[in-house]
Amino acid sequence: MVKGKIEAIKAARLERGWSLSELAKQVDVTKETVARIERGRSAYPATAKKVADALGRPVAELFTIS
């Protein structure tokens, strides 16, 4: 599992002008999943990759391996 870097993910999302719902739509997960990731909860590596790709950032910039 990987953990989201709280400020990095939220900042990247806000730079794009996206709500939690919009990022969730881009990644094909629920809004609640995105909110949990932004709070630093664990995510599956595949989900972390989708989030990073949607935000145009490297995975290592947005997540840490736990």
PDB file of N, CA and C in Angstrom:
ATOM      1  N   MET A   1       0.840  -1.187   0.000  1.00  0.00           N
ATOM      2  CA  MET A   1       0.000   0.000   0.000  1.00  0.00           C
ATOM      3  C   MET A   1       0.887   1.253   0.000  1.00  0.00           C
ATOM      4  N   VAL A   2       0.306   2.309  -0.474  1.00  0.00           N
ATOM      5  CA  VAL A   2       0.991   3.595  -0.479  1.00  0.00           C
ATOM      6  C   VAL A   2       0.112   4.612   0.237  1.00  0.00           C
ATOM      7  N   LYS A   3       0.741   5.650   0.759  1.00  0.00           N
ATOM      8  CA  LYS A   3      -0.009   6.688   1.461  1.00  0.00           C
ATOM      9  C   LYS A   3       0.131   8.002   0.724  1.00  0.00           C
ATOM     10  N   GLY A   4      -0.962   8.732   0.680  1.00  0.00           N
ATOM     11  CA  GLY A   4      -0.952  10.026   0.021  1.00  0.00           C
ATOM     12  C   GLY A   4      -0.233  11.069   0.842  1.00  0.00           C
ATOM     13  N   LYS A   5       0.523  11.920   0.161  1.00  0.00           N
ATOM     14  CA  LYS A   5       1.130  13.083   0.801  1.00  0.00           C
ATOM     15  C   LYS A   5       0.051  14.162   0.814  1.00  0.00           C
ATOM     16  N   ILE A   6      -0.465  14.425   1.980  1.00  0.00           N
ATOM     17  CA  ILE A   6      -1.677  15.219   2.146  1.00  0.00           C
ATOM     18  C   ILE A   6      -1.661  16.535   1.365  1.00  0.00           C
ATOM     19  N   GLU A   7      -0.704  17.379   1.635  1.00  0.00           N
ATOM     20  CA  GLU A   7      -0.689  18.691   0.991  1.00  0.00           C
ATOM     21  C   GLU A   7      -0.410  18.611  -0.498  1.00  0.00           C
ATOM     22  N   ALA A   8       0.424  17.676  -0.918  1.00  0.00           N
ATOM     23  CA  ALA A   8       0.808  17.581  -2.328  1.00  0.00           C
ATOM     24  C   ALA A   8      -0.380  17.221  -3.213  1.00  0.00           C
ATOM     25  N   ILE A   9      -1.161  16.263  -2.792  1.00  0.00           N
ATOM     26  CA  ILE A   9      -2.300  15.832  -3.609  1.00  0.00           C
ATOM     27  C   ILE A   9      -3.352  16.933  -3.689  1.00  0.00           C
ATOM     28  N   LYS A  10      -3.670  17.499  -2.557  1.00  0.00           N
ATOM     29  CA  LYS A  10      -4.680  18.557  -2.546  1.00  0.00           C
ATOM     30  C   LYS A  10      -4.219  19.758  -3.372  1.00  0.00           C
ATOM     31  N   ALA A  11      -2.958  20.145  -3.235  1.00  0.00           N
ATOM     32  CA  ALA A  11      -2.434  21.280  -3.991  1.00  0.00           C
ATOM     33  C   ALA A  11      -2.499  21.016  -5.495  1.00  0.00           C
ATOM     34  N   ALA A  12      -2.113  19.822  -5.905  1.00  0.00           N
ATOM     35  CA  ALA A  12      -2.147  19.470  -7.331  1.00  0.00           C
ATOM     36  C   ALA A  12      -3.581  19.487  -7.859  1.00  0.00           C
ATOM     37  N   ARG A  13      -4.502  18.993  -7.047  1.00  0.00           N
ATOM     38  CA  ARG A  13      -5.918  18.990  -7.451  1.00  0.00           C
ATOM     39  C   ARG A  13      -6.433  20.420  -7.598  1.00  0.00           C
ATOM     40  N   LEU A  14      -6.125  21.252  -6.615  1.00  0.00           N
ATOM     41  CA  LEU A  14      -6.611  22.633  -6.642  1.00  0.00           C
ATOM     42  C   LEU A  14      -5.963  23.440  -7.768  1.00  0.00           C
ATOM     43  N   GLU A  15      -4.707  23.141  -8.102  1.00  0.00           N
ATOM     44  CA  GLU A  15      -4.046  23.816  -9.228  1.00  0.00           C
ATOM     45  C   GLU A  15      -4.818  23.590 -10.528  1.00  0.00           C
ATOM     46  N   ARG A  16      -5.425  22.435 -10.652  1.00  0.00           N
ATOM     47  CA  ARG A  16      -6.221  22.132 -11.843  1.00  0.00           C
ATOM     48  C   ARG A  16      -7.639  22.689 -11.728  1.00  0.00           C
ATOM     49  N   GLY A  17      -7.973  23.203 -10.546  1.00  0.00           N
ATOM     50  CA  GLY A  17      -9.318  23.737 -10.349  1.00  0.00           C
ATOM     51  C   GLY A  17     -10.365  22.658 -10.184  1.00  0.00           C
ATOM     52  N   TRP A  18      -9.921  21.475  -9.758  1.00  0.00           N
ATOM     53  CA  TRP A  18     -10.818  20.333  -9.626  1.00  0.00           C
ATOM     54  C   TRP A  18     -11.346  20.188  -8.209  1.00  0.00           C
ATOM     55  N   SER A  19     -12.591  19.801  -8.116  1.00  0.00           N
ATOM     56  CA  SER A  19     -13.187  19.412  -6.839  1.00  0.00           C
ATOM     57  C   SER A  19     -12.793  17.960  -6.552  1.00  0.00           C
ATOM     58  N   LEU A  20     -13.114  17.497  -5.358  1.00  0.00           N
ATOM     59  CA  LEU A  20     -12.920  16.078  -5.043  1.00  0.00           C
ATOM     60  C   LEU A  20     -13.690  15.210  -6.038  1.00  0.00           C
ATOM     61  N   SER A  21     -14.899  15.644  -6.350  1.00  0.00           N
ATOM     62  CA  SER A  21     -15.742  14.882  -7.277  1.00  0.00           C
ATOM     63  C   SER A  21     -15.132  14.786  -8.666  1.00  0.00           C
ATOM     64  N   GLU A  22     -14.534  15.874  -9.136  1.00  0.00           N
ATOM     65  CA  GLU A  22     -13.934  15.861 -10.472  1.00  0.00           C
ATOM     66  C   GLU A  22     -12.725  14.931 -10.521  1.00  0.00           C
ATOM     67  N   LEU A  23     -11.879  14.980  -9.510  1.00  0.00           N
ATOM     68  CA  LEU A  23     -10.732  14.065  -9.490  1.00  0.00           C
ATOM     69  C   LEU A  23     -11.223  12.631  -9.415  1.00  0.00           C
ATOM     70  N   ALA A  24     -12.219  12.377  -8.602  1.00  0.00           N
ATOM     71  CA  ALA A  24     -12.785  11.028  -8.496  1.00  0.00           C
ATOM     72  C   ALA A  24     -13.290  10.543  -9.850  1.00  0.00           C
ATOM     73  N   LYS A  25     -13.946  11.427 -10.578  1.00  0.00           N
ATOM     74  CA  LYS A  25     -14.458  11.076 -11.909  1.00  0.00           C
ATOM     75  C   LYS A  25     -13.308  10.751 -12.854  1.00  0.00           C
ATOM     76  N   GLN A  26     -12.254  11.545 -12.821  1.00  0.00           N
ATOM     77  CA  GLN A  26     -11.093  11.324 -13.689  1.00  0.00           C
ATOM     78  C   GLN A  26     -10.407   9.993 -13.398  1.00  0.00           C
ATOM     79  N   VAL A  27     -10.409   9.592 -12.119  1.00  0.00           N
ATOM     80  CA  VAL A  27      -9.694   8.388 -11.684  1.00  0.00           C
ATOM     81  C   VAL A  27     -10.612   7.166 -11.663  1.00  0.00           C
ATOM     82  N   ASP A  28     -11.919   7.400 -11.757  1.00  0.00           N
ATOM     83  CA  ASP A  28     -12.920   6.335 -11.713  1.00  0.00           C
ATOM     84  C   ASP A  28     -12.967   5.650 -10.342  1.00  0.00           C
ATOM     85  N   VAL A  29     -13.000   6.494  -9.310  1.00  0.00           N
ATOM     86  CA  VAL A  29     -13.191   6.028  -7.928  1.00  0.00           C
ATOM     87  C   VAL A  29     -14.240   6.935  -7.295  1.00  0.00           C
ATOM     88  N   THR A  30     -14.631   6.628  -6.076  1.00  0.00           N
ATOM     89  CA  THR A  30     -15.615   7.469  -5.393  1.00  0.00           C
ATOM     90  C   THR A  30     -14.960   8.722  -4.822  1.00  0.00           C
ATOM     91  N   LYS A  31     -15.788   9.716  -4.611  1.00  0.00           N
ATOM     92  CA  LYS A  31     -15.332  10.952  -3.973  1.00  0.00           C
ATOM     93  C   LYS A  31     -14.764  10.647  -2.590  1.00  0.00           C
ATOM     94  N   GLU A  32     -15.371   9.705  -1.899  1.00  0.00           N
ATOM     95  CA  GLU A  32     -14.913   9.330  -0.564  1.00  0.00           C
ATOM     96  C   GLU A  32     -13.499   8.742  -0.618  1.00  0.00           C
ATOM     97  N   THR A  33     -13.204   7.970  -1.665  1.00  0.00           N
ATOM     98  CA  THR A  33     -11.863   7.406  -1.826  1.00  0.00           C
ATOM     99  C   THR A  33     -10.836   8.516  -1.994  1.00  0.00           C
ATOM    100  N   VAL A  34     -11.149   9.496  -2.820  1.00  0.00           N
ATOM    101  CA  VAL A  34     -10.230  10.623  -3.016  1.00  0.00           C
ATOM    102  C   VAL A  34     -10.041  11.376  -1.706  1.00  0.00           C
ATOM    103  N   ALA A  35     -11.116  11.601  -0.974  1.00  0.00           N
ATOM    104  CA  ALA A  35     -11.018  12.311   0.305  1.00  0.00           C
ATOM    105  C   ALA A  35     -10.127  11.552   1.285  1.00  0.00           C
ATOM    106  N   ARG A  36     -10.263  10.225   1.328  1.00  0.00           N
ATOM    107  CA  ARG A  36      -9.415   9.415   2.221  1.00  0.00           C
ATOM    108  C   ARG A  36      -7.954   9.515   1.823  1.00  0.00           C
ATOM    109  N   ILE A  37      -7.686   9.448   0.531  1.00  0.00           N
ATOM    110  CA  ILE A  37      -6.309   9.553   0.051  1.00  0.00           C
ATOM    111  C   ILE A  37      -5.727  10.916   0.418  1.00  0.00           C
ATOM    112  N   GLU A  38      -6.511  11.958   0.251  1.00  0.00           N
ATOM    113  CA  GLU A  38      -6.037  13.308   0.593  1.00  0.00           C
ATOM    114  C   GLU A  38      -5.791  13.471   2.085  1.00  0.00           C
ATOM    115  N   ARG A  39      -6.437  12.672   2.895  1.00  0.00           N
ATOM    116  CA  ARG A  39      -6.209  12.716   4.342  1.00  0.00           C
ATOM    117  C   ARG A  39      -5.029  11.836   4.748  1.00  0.00           C
ATOM    118  N   GLY A  40      -4.336  11.258   3.762  1.00  0.00           N
ATOM    119  CA  GLY A  40      -3.140  10.479   4.052  1.00  0.00           C
ATOM    120  C   GLY A  40      -3.388   9.014   4.311  1.00  0.00           C
ATOM    121  N   ARG A  41      -4.582   8.539   3.993  1.00  0.00           N
ATOM    122  CA  ARG A  41      -4.881   7.115   4.171  1.00  0.00           C
ATOM    123  C   ARG A  41      -4.225   6.298   3.074  1.00  0.00           C
ATOM    124  N   SER A  42      -4.156   5.007   3.284  1.00  0.00           N
ATOM    125  CA  SER A  42      -3.539   4.109   2.308  1.00  0.00           C
ATOM    126  C   SER A  42      -4.390   3.984   1.047  1.00  0.00           C
ATOM    127  N   ALA A  43      -3.697   3.717  -0.050  1.00  0.00           N
ATOM    128  CA  ALA A  43      -4.361   3.484  -1.337  1.00  0.00           C
ATOM    129  C   ALA A  43      -3.652   2.334  -2.034  1.00  0.00           C
ATOM    130  N   TYR A  44      -4.366   1.654  -2.893  1.00  0.00           N
ATOM    131  CA  TYR A  44      -3.734   0.619  -3.703  1.00  0.00           C
ATOM    132  C   TYR A  44      -2.774   1.285  -4.689  1.00  0.00           C
ATOM    133  N   PRO A  45      -1.668   0.625  -5.006  1.00  0.00           N
ATOM    134  CA  PRO A  45      -0.724   1.209  -5.965  1.00  0.00           C
ATOM    135  C   PRO A  45      -1.366   1.591  -7.299  1.00  0.00           C
ATOM    136  N   ALA A  46      -2.281   0.781  -7.798  1.00  0.00           N
ATOM    137  CA  ALA A  46      -2.941   1.098  -9.071  1.00  0.00           C
ATOM    138  C   ALA A  46      -3.751   2.394  -8.962  1.00  0.00           C
ATOM    139  N   THR A  47      -4.399   2.601  -7.825  1.00  0.00           N
ATOM    140  CA  THR A  47      -5.168   3.829  -7.616  1.00  0.00           C
ATOM    141  C   THR A  47      -4.237   5.024  -7.505  1.00  0.00           C
ATOM    142  N   ALA A  48      -3.129   4.856  -6.800  1.00  0.00           N
ATOM    143  CA  ALA A  48      -2.138   5.929  -6.673  1.00  0.00           C
ATOM    144  C   ALA A  48      -1.628   6.340  -8.051  1.00  0.00           C
ATOM    145  N   LYS A  49      -1.368   5.376  -8.903  1.00  0.00           N
ATOM    146  CA  LYS A  49      -0.886   5.657 -10.268  1.00  0.00           C
ATOM    147  C   LYS A  49      -1.934   6.426 -11.055  1.00  0.00           C
ATOM    148  N   LYS A  50      -3.193   6.031 -10.926  1.00  0.00           N
ATOM    149  CA  LYS A  50      -4.271   6.730 -11.637  1.00  0.00           C
ATOM    150  C   LYS A  50      -4.391   8.176 -11.162  1.00  0.00           C
ATOM    151  N   VAL A  51      -4.294   8.379  -9.849  1.00  0.00           N
ATOM    152  CA  VAL A  51      -4.377   9.732  -9.293  1.00  0.00           C
ATOM    153  C   VAL A  51      -3.222  10.579  -9.823  1.00  0.00           C
ATOM    154  N   ALA A  52      -2.022  10.043  -9.751  1.00  0.00           N
ATOM    155  CA  ALA A  52      -0.843  10.777 -10.228  1.00  0.00           C
ATOM    156  C   ALA A  52      -0.965  11.101 -11.714  1.00  0.00           C
ATOM    157  N   ASP A  53      -1.390  10.133 -12.507  1.00  0.00           N
ATOM    158  CA  ASP A  53      -1.553  10.362 -13.943  1.00  0.00           C
ATOM    159  C   ASP A  53      -2.590  11.450 -14.218  1.00  0.00           C
ATOM    160  N   ALA A  54      -3.714  11.383 -13.512  1.00  0.00           N
ATOM    161  CA  ALA A  54      -4.773  12.376 -13.712  1.00  0.00           C
ATOM    162  C   ALA A  54      -4.287  13.779 -13.368  1.00  0.00           C
ATOM    163  N   LEU A  55      -3.428  13.871 -12.354  1.00  0.00           N
ATOM    164  CA  LEU A  55      -2.919  15.169 -11.916  1.00  0.00           C
ATOM    165  C   LEU A  55      -1.654  15.583 -12.657  1.00  0.00           C
ATOM    166  N   GLY A  56      -1.143  14.692 -13.511  1.00  0.00           N
ATOM    167  CA  GLY A  56       0.053  15.008 -14.285  1.00  0.00           C
ATOM    168  C   GLY A  56       1.314  15.115 -13.454  1.00  0.00           C
ATOM    169  N   ARG A  57       1.375  14.326 -12.396  1.00  0.00           N
ATOM    170  CA  ARG A  57       2.525  14.359 -11.486  1.00  0.00           C
ATOM    171  C   ARG A  57       3.106  12.962 -11.329  1.00  0.00           C
ATOM    172  N   PRO A  58       4.397  12.857 -10.989  1.00  0.00           N
ATOM    173  CA  PRO A  58       4.976  11.539 -10.704  1.00  0.00           C
ATOM    174  C   PRO A  58       4.375  10.966  -9.420  1.00  0.00           C
ATOM    175  N   VAL A  59       4.224   9.668  -9.376  1.00  0.00           N
ATOM    176  CA  VAL A  59       3.666   9.007  -8.194  1.00  0.00           C
ATOM    177  C   VAL A  59       4.466   9.385  -6.945  1.00  0.00           C
ATOM    178  N   ALA A  60       5.793   9.381  -7.044  1.00  0.00           N
ATOM    179  CA  ALA A  60       6.656   9.661  -5.886  1.00  0.00           C
ATOM    180  C   ALA A  60       6.451  11.059  -5.323  1.00  0.00           C
ATOM    181  N   GLU A  61       5.957  11.975  -6.129  1.00  0.00           N
ATOM    182  CA  GLU A  61       5.699  13.338  -5.654  1.00  0.00           C
ATOM    183  C   GLU A  61       4.447  13.394  -4.781  1.00  0.00           C
ATOM    184  N   LEU A  62       3.510  12.475  -5.025  1.00  0.00           N
ATOM    185  CA  LEU A  62       2.216  12.521  -4.344  1.00  0.00           C
ATOM    186  C   LEU A  62       2.010  11.430  -3.298  1.00  0.00           C
ATOM    187  N   PHE A  63       2.830  10.366  -3.338  1.00  0.00           N
ATOM    188  CA  PHE A  63       2.619   9.227  -2.453  1.00  0.00           C
ATOM    189  C   PHE A  63       3.942   8.729  -1.878  1.00  0.00           C
ATOM    190  N   THR A  64       3.834   8.082  -0.706  1.00  0.00           N
ATOM    191  CA  THR A  64       4.972   7.401  -0.101  1.00  0.00           C
ATOM    192  C   THR A  64       4.611   5.939   0.086  1.00  0.00           C
ATOM    193  N   ILE A  65       5.607   5.082   0.020  1.00  0.00           N
ATOM    194  CA  ILE A  65       5.390   3.661   0.242  1.00  0.00           C
ATOM    195  C   ILE A  65       5.381   3.404   1.732  1.00  0.00           C
ATOM    196  N   SER A  66       4.353   2.696   2.196  1.00  0.00           N
ATOM    197  CA  SER A  66       4.267   2.416   3.638  1.00  0.00           C
ATOM    198  C   SER A  66       4.620   0.994   3.946  1.00  0.00           C
TER     199      SER A  66
END
